[in-house]
Amino acid sequence: HSVPLKATLIRAAAFFIAASAFWSLLPIIVSKG
């Protein structure tokens, strides 16, 4: 029921889900790419 906290959580989820691609793919990029 907190509008400011919900806004933060939504922004965080949107950013971290997409940006996590760098962390998960970096080993493969180095070894295979």
PDB file of all heavy atoms in Angstrom:
ATOM      1  N   HIS A   1       0.807  -1.221   0.000  1.00  0.00           N
ATOM      2  CA  HIS A   1       0.000   0.000   0.000  1.00  0.00           C
ATOM      3  C   HIS A   1       0.846   1.280   0.000  1.00  0.00           C
ATOM      4  O   HIS A   1       0.294   2.362   0.173  1.00  0.00           O
ATOM      5  CB  HIS A   1      -0.932  -0.002   1.210  1.00  0.00           C
ATOM      6  CG  HIS A   1      -1.921  -1.126   1.212  1.00  0.00           C
ATOM      7  ND1 HIS A   1      -3.008  -1.166   0.372  1.00  0.00           N
ATOM      8  CD2 HIS A   1      -1.962  -2.286   1.928  1.00  0.00           C
ATOM      9  CE1 HIS A   1      -3.690  -2.271   0.578  1.00  0.00           C
ATOM     10  NE2 HIS A   1      -3.083  -2.973   1.517  1.00  0.00           N
ATOM     11  N   SER A   2       2.146   1.166  -0.183  1.00  0.00           N
ATOM     12  CA  SER A   2       3.009   2.345  -0.244  1.00  0.00           C
ATOM     13  C   SER A   2       3.322   2.685  -1.696  1.00  0.00           C
ATOM     14  O   SER A   2       4.037   1.934  -2.379  1.00  0.00           O
ATOM     15  CB  SER A   2       4.319   2.088   0.525  1.00  0.00           C
ATOM     16  OG  SER A   2       5.231   3.139   0.318  1.00  0.00           O
ATOM     17  N   VAL A   3       2.801   3.791  -2.181  1.00  0.00           N
ATOM     18  CA  VAL A   3       3.015   4.186  -3.577  1.00  0.00           C
ATOM     19  C   VAL A   3       4.499   4.424  -3.883  1.00  0.00           C
ATOM     20  O   VAL A   3       5.016   3.925  -4.890  1.00  0.00           O
ATOM     21  CB  VAL A   3       2.177   5.438  -3.921  1.00  0.00           C
ATOM     22  CG1 VAL A   3       2.497   5.946  -5.319  1.00  0.00           C
ATOM     23  CG2 VAL A   3       0.692   5.124  -3.800  1.00  0.00           C
ATOM     24  N   PRO A   4       5.250   5.153  -3.036  1.00  0.00           N
ATOM     25  CA  PRO A   4       6.670   5.377  -3.340  1.00  0.00           C
ATOM     26  C   PRO A   4       7.484   4.092  -3.379  1.00  0.00           C
ATOM     27  O   PRO A   4       8.351   3.925  -4.250  1.00  0.00           O
ATOM     28  CB  PRO A   4       7.138   6.288  -2.199  1.00  0.00           C
ATOM     29  CG  PRO A   4       5.908   6.947  -1.697  1.00  0.00           C
ATOM     30  CD  PRO A   4       4.833   5.927  -1.841  1.00  0.00           C
ATOM     31  N   LEU A   5       7.226   3.168  -2.449  1.00  0.00           N
ATOM     32  CA  LEU A   5       7.996   1.922  -2.427  1.00  0.00           C
ATOM     33  C   LEU A   5       7.634   1.041  -3.612  1.00  0.00           C
ATOM     34  O   LEU A   5       8.518   0.433  -4.238  1.00  0.00           O
ATOM     35  CB  LEU A   5       7.756   1.174  -1.113  1.00  0.00           C
ATOM     36  CG  LEU A   5       8.582  -0.106  -0.936  1.00  0.00           C
ATOM     37  CD1 LEU A   5      10.073   0.183  -1.028  1.00  0.00           C
ATOM     38  CD2 LEU A   5       8.252  -0.784   0.392  1.00  0.00           C
ATOM     39  N   LYS A   6       6.354   0.961  -3.945  1.00  0.00           N
ATOM     40  CA  LYS A   6       5.946   0.163  -5.110  1.00  0.00           C
ATOM     41  C   LYS A   6       6.574   0.701  -6.389  1.00  0.00           C
ATOM     42  O   LYS A   6       7.006  -0.071  -7.252  1.00  0.00           O
ATOM     43  CB  LYS A   6       4.416   0.154  -5.233  1.00  0.00           C
ATOM     44  CG  LYS A   6       3.726  -0.782  -4.270  1.00  0.00           C
ATOM     45  CD  LYS A   6       2.284  -1.029  -4.656  1.00  0.00           C
ATOM     46  CE  LYS A   6       1.442   0.213  -4.557  1.00  0.00           C
ATOM     47  NZ  LYS A   6       0.000  -0.060  -4.798  1.00  0.00           N
ATOM     48  N   ALA A   7       6.646   2.019  -6.518  1.00  0.00           N
ATOM     49  CA  ALA A   7       7.278   2.617  -7.694  1.00  0.00           C
ATOM     50  C   ALA A   7       8.743   2.211  -7.787  1.00  0.00           C
ATOM     51  O   ALA A   7       9.250   1.870  -8.866  1.00  0.00           O
ATOM     52  CB  ALA A   7       7.153   4.139  -7.635  1.00  0.00           C
ATOM     53  N   THR A   8       9.434   2.223  -6.652  1.00  0.00           N
ATOM     54  CA  THR A   8      10.845   1.831  -6.624  1.00  0.00           C
ATOM     55  C   THR A   8      11.015   0.370  -7.000  1.00  0.00           C
ATOM     56  O   THR A   8      11.919   0.005  -7.771  1.00  0.00           O
ATOM     57  CB  THR A   8      11.441   2.091  -5.227  1.00  0.00           C
ATOM     58  OG1 THR A   8      11.295   3.478  -4.904  1.00  0.00           O
ATOM     59  CG2 THR A   8      12.918   1.723  -5.187  1.00  0.00           C
ATOM     60  N   LEU A   9      10.169  -0.490  -6.464  1.00  0.00           N
ATOM     61  CA  LEU A   9      10.267  -1.925  -6.742  1.00  0.00           C
ATOM     62  C   LEU A   9       9.991  -2.226  -8.212  1.00  0.00           C
ATOM     63  O   LEU A   9      10.654  -3.086  -8.814  1.00  0.00           O
ATOM     64  CB  LEU A   9       9.294  -2.698  -5.848  1.00  0.00           C
ATOM     65  CG  LEU A   9       9.554  -2.620  -4.334  1.00  0.00           C
ATOM     66  CD1 LEU A   9       8.490  -3.401  -3.572  1.00  0.00           C
ATOM     67  CD2 LEU A   9      10.947  -3.133  -3.987  1.00  0.00           C
ATOM     68  N   ILE A  10       9.045  -1.532  -8.797  1.00  0.00           N
ATOM     69  CA  ILE A  10       8.737  -1.739 -10.217  1.00  0.00           C
ATOM     70  C   ILE A  10       9.916  -1.310 -11.088  1.00  0.00           C
ATOM     71  O   ILE A  10      10.318  -2.023 -12.016  1.00  0.00           O
ATOM     72  CB  ILE A  10       7.464  -0.969 -10.607  1.00  0.00           C
ATOM     73  CG1 ILE A  10       6.242  -1.607  -9.941  1.00  0.00           C
ATOM     74  CG2 ILE A  10       7.281  -0.923 -12.121  1.00  0.00           C
ATOM     75  CD1 ILE A  10       4.968  -0.795 -10.060  1.00  0.00           C
ATOM     76  N   ARG A  11      10.482  -0.127 -10.787  1.00  0.00           N
ATOM     77  CA  ARG A  11      11.642   0.341 -11.548  1.00  0.00           C
ATOM     78  C   ARG A  11      12.830  -0.609 -11.375  1.00  0.00           C
ATOM     79  O   ARG A  11      13.573  -0.871 -12.330  1.00  0.00           O
ATOM     80  CB  ARG A  11      12.037   1.754 -11.100  1.00  0.00           C
ATOM     81  CG  ARG A  11      11.029   2.853 -11.386  1.00  0.00           C
ATOM     82  CD  ARG A  11      10.864   3.162 -12.864  1.00  0.00           C
ATOM     83  NE  ARG A  11      12.046   3.666 -13.495  1.00  0.00           N
ATOM     84  CZ  ARG A  11      12.352   4.961 -13.631  1.00  0.00           C
ATOM     85  NH1 ARG A  11      11.534   5.871 -13.120  1.00  0.00           N
ATOM     86  NH2 ARG A  11      13.439   5.346 -14.275  1.00  0.00           N
ATOM     87  N   ALA A  12      13.010  -1.107 -10.152  1.00  0.00           N
ATOM     88  CA  ALA A  12      14.125  -2.021  -9.880  1.00  0.00           C
ATOM     89  C   ALA A  12      13.969  -3.325 -10.661  1.00  0.00           C
ATOM     90  O   ALA A  12      14.931  -3.813 -11.276  1.00  0.00           O
ATOM     91  CB  ALA A  12      14.215  -2.305  -8.385  1.00  0.00           C
ATOM     92  N   ALA A  13      12.775  -3.892 -10.652  1.00  0.00           N
ATOM     93  CA  ALA A  13      12.539  -5.155 -11.356  1.00  0.00           C
ATOM     94  C   ALA A  13      12.774  -4.988 -12.857  1.00  0.00           C
ATOM     95  O   ALA A  13      13.426  -5.831 -13.496  1.00  0.00           O
ATOM     96  CB  ALA A  13      11.117  -5.642 -11.092  1.00  0.00           C
ATOM     97  N   ALA A  14      12.263  -3.892 -13.423  1.00  0.00           N
ATOM     98  CA  ALA A  14      12.424  -3.657 -14.859  1.00  0.00           C
ATOM     99  C   ALA A  14      13.892  -3.525 -15.244  1.00  0.00           C
ATOM    100  O   ALA A  14      14.333  -4.046 -16.286  1.00  0.00           O
ATOM    101  CB  ALA A  14      11.652  -2.401 -15.264  1.00  0.00           C
ATOM    102  N   PHE A  15      14.682  -2.840 -14.406  1.00  0.00           N
ATOM    103  CA  PHE A  15      16.096  -2.643 -14.731  1.00  0.00           C
ATOM    104  C   PHE A  15      16.913  -3.913 -14.517  1.00  0.00           C
ATOM    105  O   PHE A  15      17.671  -4.334 -15.394  1.00  0.00           O
ATOM    106  CB  PHE A  15      16.674  -1.510 -13.898  1.00  0.00           C
ATOM    107  CG  PHE A  15      18.153  -1.308 -14.106  1.00  0.00           C
ATOM    108  CD1 PHE A  15      18.625  -0.619 -15.218  1.00  0.00           C
ATOM    109  CD2 PHE A  15      19.090  -1.821 -13.207  1.00  0.00           C
ATOM    110  CE1 PHE A  15      19.981  -0.441 -15.436  1.00  0.00           C
ATOM    111  CE2 PHE A  15      20.445  -1.643 -13.404  1.00  0.00           C
ATOM    112  CZ  PHE A  15      20.895  -0.952 -14.519  1.00  0.00           C
ATOM    113  N   PHE A  16      16.772  -4.549 -13.361  1.00  0.00           N
ATOM    114  CA  PHE A  16      17.650  -5.666 -13.012  1.00  0.00           C
ATOM    115  C   PHE A  16      17.396  -6.909 -13.859  1.00  0.00           C
ATOM    116  O   PHE A  16      18.331  -7.653 -14.156  1.00  0.00           O
ATOM    117  CB  PHE A  16      17.522  -5.995 -11.528  1.00  0.00           C
ATOM    118  CG  PHE A  16      18.113  -4.947 -10.626  1.00  0.00           C
ATOM    119  CD1 PHE A  16      17.370  -4.394  -9.597  1.00  0.00           C
ATOM    120  CD2 PHE A  16      19.409  -4.497 -10.807  1.00  0.00           C
ATOM    121  CE1 PHE A  16      17.904  -3.422  -8.771  1.00  0.00           C
ATOM    122  CE2 PHE A  16      19.963  -3.521  -9.999  1.00  0.00           C
ATOM    123  CZ  PHE A  16      19.204  -2.987  -8.976  1.00  0.00           C
ATOM    124  N   ILE A  17      16.140  -7.154 -14.226  1.00  0.00           N
ATOM    125  CA  ILE A  17      15.871  -8.311 -15.082  1.00  0.00           C
ATOM    126  C   ILE A  17      16.608  -8.180 -16.405  1.00  0.00           C
ATOM    127  O   ILE A  17      17.216  -9.134 -16.902  1.00  0.00           O
ATOM    128  CB  ILE A  17      14.352  -8.469 -15.314  1.00  0.00           C
ATOM    129  CG1 ILE A  17      13.680  -8.983 -14.041  1.00  0.00           C
ATOM    130  CG2 ILE A  17      14.081  -9.431 -16.469  1.00  0.00           C
ATOM    131  CD1 ILE A  17      12.169  -9.081 -14.136  1.00  0.00           C
ATOM    132  N   ALA A  18      16.578  -6.984 -16.996  1.00  0.00           N
ATOM    133  CA  ALA A  18      17.235  -6.780 -18.293  1.00  0.00           C
ATOM    134  C   ALA A  18      18.750  -6.668 -18.148  1.00  0.00           C
ATOM    135  O   ALA A  18      19.511  -7.257 -18.923  1.00  0.00           O
ATOM    136  CB  ALA A  18      16.672  -5.526 -18.960  1.00  0.00           C
ATOM    137  N   ALA A  19      19.216  -5.908 -17.145  1.00  0.00           N
ATOM    138  CA  ALA A  19      20.656  -5.683 -16.986  1.00  0.00           C
ATOM    139  C   ALA A  19      21.393  -6.932 -16.544  1.00  0.00           C
ATOM    140  O   ALA A  19      22.618  -7.040 -16.741  1.00  0.00           O
ATOM    141  CB  ALA A  19      20.894  -4.560 -15.980  1.00  0.00           C
ATOM    142  N   SER A  20      20.674  -7.897 -15.957  1.00  0.00           N
ATOM    143  CA  SER A  20      21.324  -9.139 -15.528  1.00  0.00           C
ATOM    144  C   SER A  20      21.887  -9.925 -16.706  1.00  0.00           C
ATOM    145  O   SER A  20      22.688 -10.853 -16.513  1.00  0.00           O
ATOM    146  CB  SER A  20      20.331 -10.010 -14.757  1.00  0.00           C
ATOM    147  OG  SER A  20      19.265 -10.429 -15.592  1.00  0.00           O
ATOM    148  N   ALA A  21      21.477  -9.573 -17.928  1.00  0.00           N
ATOM    149  CA  ALA A  21      22.014 -10.249 -19.115  1.00  0.00           C
ATOM    150  C   ALA A  21      23.535 -10.124 -19.177  1.00  0.00           C
ATOM    151  O   ALA A  21      24.228 -11.066 -19.579  1.00  0.00           O
ATOM    152  CB  ALA A  21      21.390  -9.656 -20.381  1.00  0.00           C
ATOM    153  N   PHE A  22      24.068  -8.980 -18.748  1.00  0.00           N
ATOM    154  CA  PHE A  22      25.521  -8.778 -18.797  1.00  0.00           C
ATOM    155  C   PHE A  22      26.230  -9.763 -17.887  1.00  0.00           C
ATOM    156  O   PHE A  22      27.207 -10.413 -18.287  1.00  0.00           O
ATOM    157  CB  PHE A  22      25.857  -7.348 -18.390  1.00  0.00           C
ATOM    158  CG  PHE A  22      27.330  -7.055 -18.417  1.00  0.00           C
ATOM    159  CD1 PHE A  22      27.954  -6.663 -19.598  1.00  0.00           C
ATOM    160  CD2 PHE A  22      28.108  -7.186 -17.267  1.00  0.00           C
ATOM    161  CE1 PHE A  22      29.309  -6.397 -19.625  1.00  0.00           C
ATOM    162  CE2 PHE A  22      29.461  -6.913 -17.284  1.00  0.00           C
ATOM    163  CZ  PHE A  22      30.066  -6.531 -18.466  1.00  0.00           C
ATOM    164  N   TRP A  23      25.732  -9.895 -16.643  1.00  0.00           N
ATOM    165  CA  TRP A  23      26.378 -10.787 -15.673  1.00  0.00           C
ATOM    166  C   TRP A  23      26.274 -12.245 -16.094  1.00  0.00           C
ATOM    167  O   TRP A  23      27.232 -13.009 -15.945  1.00  0.00           O
ATOM    168  CB  TRP A  23      25.755 -10.607 -14.293  1.00  0.00           C
ATOM    169  CG  TRP A  23      25.915  -9.232 -13.738  1.00  0.00           C
ATOM    170  CD1 TRP A  23      24.946  -8.299 -13.564  1.00  0.00           C
ATOM    171  CD2 TRP A  23      27.133  -8.623 -13.283  1.00  0.00           C
ATOM    172  NE1 TRP A  23      25.472  -7.151 -13.026  1.00  0.00           N
ATOM    173  CE2 TRP A  23      26.816  -7.323 -12.839  1.00  0.00           C
ATOM    174  CE3 TRP A  23      28.468  -9.062 -13.206  1.00  0.00           C
ATOM    175  CZ2 TRP A  23      27.768  -6.452 -12.332  1.00  0.00           C
ATOM    176  CZ3 TRP A  23      29.420  -8.199 -12.694  1.00  0.00           C
ATOM    177  CH2 TRP A  23      29.064  -6.904 -12.265  1.00  0.00           C
ATOM    178  N   SER A  24      25.130 -12.648 -16.619  1.00  0.00           N
ATOM    179  CA  SER A  24      24.938 -14.055 -16.973  1.00  0.00           C
ATOM    180  C   SER A  24      25.658 -14.446 -18.260  1.00  0.00           C
ATOM    181  O   SER A  24      26.044 -15.603 -18.426  1.00  0.00           O
ATOM    182  CB  SER A  24      23.442 -14.369 -17.096  1.00  0.00           C
ATOM    183  OG  SER A  24      22.826 -13.534 -18.053  1.00  0.00           O
ATOM    184  N   LEU A  25      25.846 -13.477 -19.163  1.00  0.00           N
ATOM    185  CA  LEU A  25      26.447 -13.792 -20.463  1.00  0.00           C
ATOM    186  C   LEU A  25      27.940 -13.505 -20.537  1.00  0.00           C
ATOM    187  O   LEU A  25      28.612 -13.979 -21.459  1.00  0.00           O
ATOM    188  CB  LEU A  25      25.735 -13.009 -21.577  1.00  0.00           C
ATOM    189  CG  LEU A  25      24.252 -13.310 -21.782  1.00  0.00           C
ATOM    190  CD1 LEU A  25      23.685 -12.427 -22.888  1.00  0.00           C
ATOM    191  CD2 LEU A  25      24.032 -14.783 -22.117  1.00  0.00           C
ATOM    192  N   LEU A  26      28.480 -12.728 -19.600  1.00  0.00           N
ATOM    193  CA  LEU A  26      29.888 -12.345 -19.677  1.00  0.00           C
ATOM    194  C   LEU A  26      30.840 -13.535 -19.767  1.00  0.00           C
ATOM    195  O   LEU A  26      31.758 -13.531 -20.615  1.00  0.00           O
ATOM    196  CB  LEU A  26      30.252 -11.452 -18.489  1.00  0.00           C
ATOM    197  CG  LEU A  26      31.692 -10.905 -18.479  1.00  0.00           C
ATOM    198  CD1 LEU A  26      31.962 -10.081 -19.743  1.00  0.00           C
ATOM    199  CD2 LEU A  26      31.937 -10.057 -17.225  1.00  0.00           C
ATOM    200  N   PRO A  27      30.681 -14.586 -18.962  1.00  0.00           N
ATOM    201  CA  PRO A  27      31.597 -15.734 -19.112  1.00  0.00           C
ATOM    202  C   PRO A  27      31.524 -16.374 -20.496  1.00  0.00           C
ATOM    203  O   PRO A  27      32.543 -16.791 -21.044  1.00  0.00           O
ATOM    204  CB  PRO A  27      31.129 -16.702 -18.021  1.00  0.00           C
ATOM    205  CG  PRO A  27      30.405 -15.854 -17.037  1.00  0.00           C
ATOM    206  CD  PRO A  27      29.746 -14.776 -17.839  1.00  0.00           C
ATOM    207  N   ILE A  28      30.305 -16.447 -21.062  1.00  0.00           N
ATOM    208  CA  ILE A  28      30.146 -17.054 -22.390  1.00  0.00           C
ATOM    209  C   ILE A  28      30.743 -16.159 -23.469  1.00  0.00           C
ATOM    210  O   ILE A  28      31.343 -16.639 -24.436  1.00  0.00           O
ATOM    211  CB  ILE A  28      28.652 -17.309 -22.682  1.00  0.00           C
ATOM    212  CG1 ILE A  28      28.038 -18.150 -21.563  1.00  0.00           C
ATOM    213  CG2 ILE A  28      28.467 -18.014 -24.015  1.00  0.00           C
ATOM    214  CD1 ILE A  28      26.548 -18.318 -21.669  1.00  0.00           C
ATOM    215  N   ILE A  29      30.562 -14.839 -23.290  1.00  0.00           N
ATOM    216  CA  ILE A  29      31.141 -13.893 -24.263  1.00  0.00           C
ATOM    217  C   ILE A  29      32.656 -14.032 -24.306  1.00  0.00           C
ATOM    218  O   ILE A  29      33.274 -14.046 -25.380  1.00  0.00           O
ATOM    219  CB  ILE A  29      30.733 -12.451 -23.894  1.00  0.00           C
ATOM    220  CG1 ILE A  29      29.240 -12.258 -24.102  1.00  0.00           C
ATOM    221  CG2 ILE A  29      31.514 -11.441 -24.729  1.00  0.00           C
ATOM    222  CD1 ILE A  29      28.706 -10.957 -23.558  1.00  0.00           C
ATOM    223  N   VAL A  30      33.276 -14.153 -23.132  1.00  0.00           N
ATOM    224  CA  VAL A  30      34.740 -14.268 -23.067  1.00  0.00           C
ATOM    225  C   VAL A  30      35.202 -15.602 -23.625  1.00  0.00           C
ATOM    226  O   VAL A  30      36.154 -15.656 -24.427  1.00  0.00           O
ATOM    227  CB  VAL A  30      35.221 -14.098 -21.611  1.00  0.00           C
ATOM    228  CG1 VAL A  30      36.722 -14.389 -21.504  1.00  0.00           C
ATOM    229  CG2 VAL A  30      34.937 -12.685 -21.120  1.00  0.00           C
ATOM    230  N   SER A  31      34.552 -16.692 -23.219  1.00  0.00           N
ATOM    231  CA  SER A  31      35.035 -18.025 -23.611  1.00  0.00           C
ATOM    232  C   SER A  31      34.691 -18.392 -25.044  1.00  0.00           C
ATOM    233  O   SER A  31      35.526 -18.936 -25.778  1.00  0.00           O
ATOM    234  CB  SER A  31      34.461 -19.080 -22.665  1.00  0.00           C
ATOM    235  OG  SER A  31      33.048 -19.097 -22.747  1.00  0.00           O
ATOM    236  N   LYS A  32      33.455 -18.096 -25.487  1.00  0.00           N
ATOM    237  CA  LYS A  32      33.018 -18.494 -26.825  1.00  0.00           C
ATOM    238  C   LYS A  32      33.063 -17.351 -27.830  1.00  0.00           C
ATOM    239  O   LYS A  32      33.449 -17.542 -28.981  1.00  0.00           O
ATOM    240  CB  LYS A  32      31.621 -19.085 -26.760  1.00  0.00           C
ATOM    241  CG  LYS A  32      31.556 -20.394 -25.975  1.00  0.00           C
ATOM    242  CD  LYS A  32      30.169 -21.015 -26.048  1.00  0.00           C
ATOM    243  CE  LYS A  32      30.143 -22.364 -25.313  1.00  0.00           C
ATOM    244  NZ  LYS A  32      28.806 -23.000 -25.388  1.00  0.00           N
ATOM    245  N   GLY A  33      32.628 -16.163 -27.390  1.00  0.00           N
ATOM    246  CA  GLY A  33      32.626 -15.036 -28.320  1.00  0.00           C
ATOM    247  C   GLY A  33      34.019 -14.553 -28.664  1.00  0.00           C
ATOM    248  O   GLY A  33      34.297 -14.172 -29.808  1.00  0.00           O
TER     249      GLY A  33
END
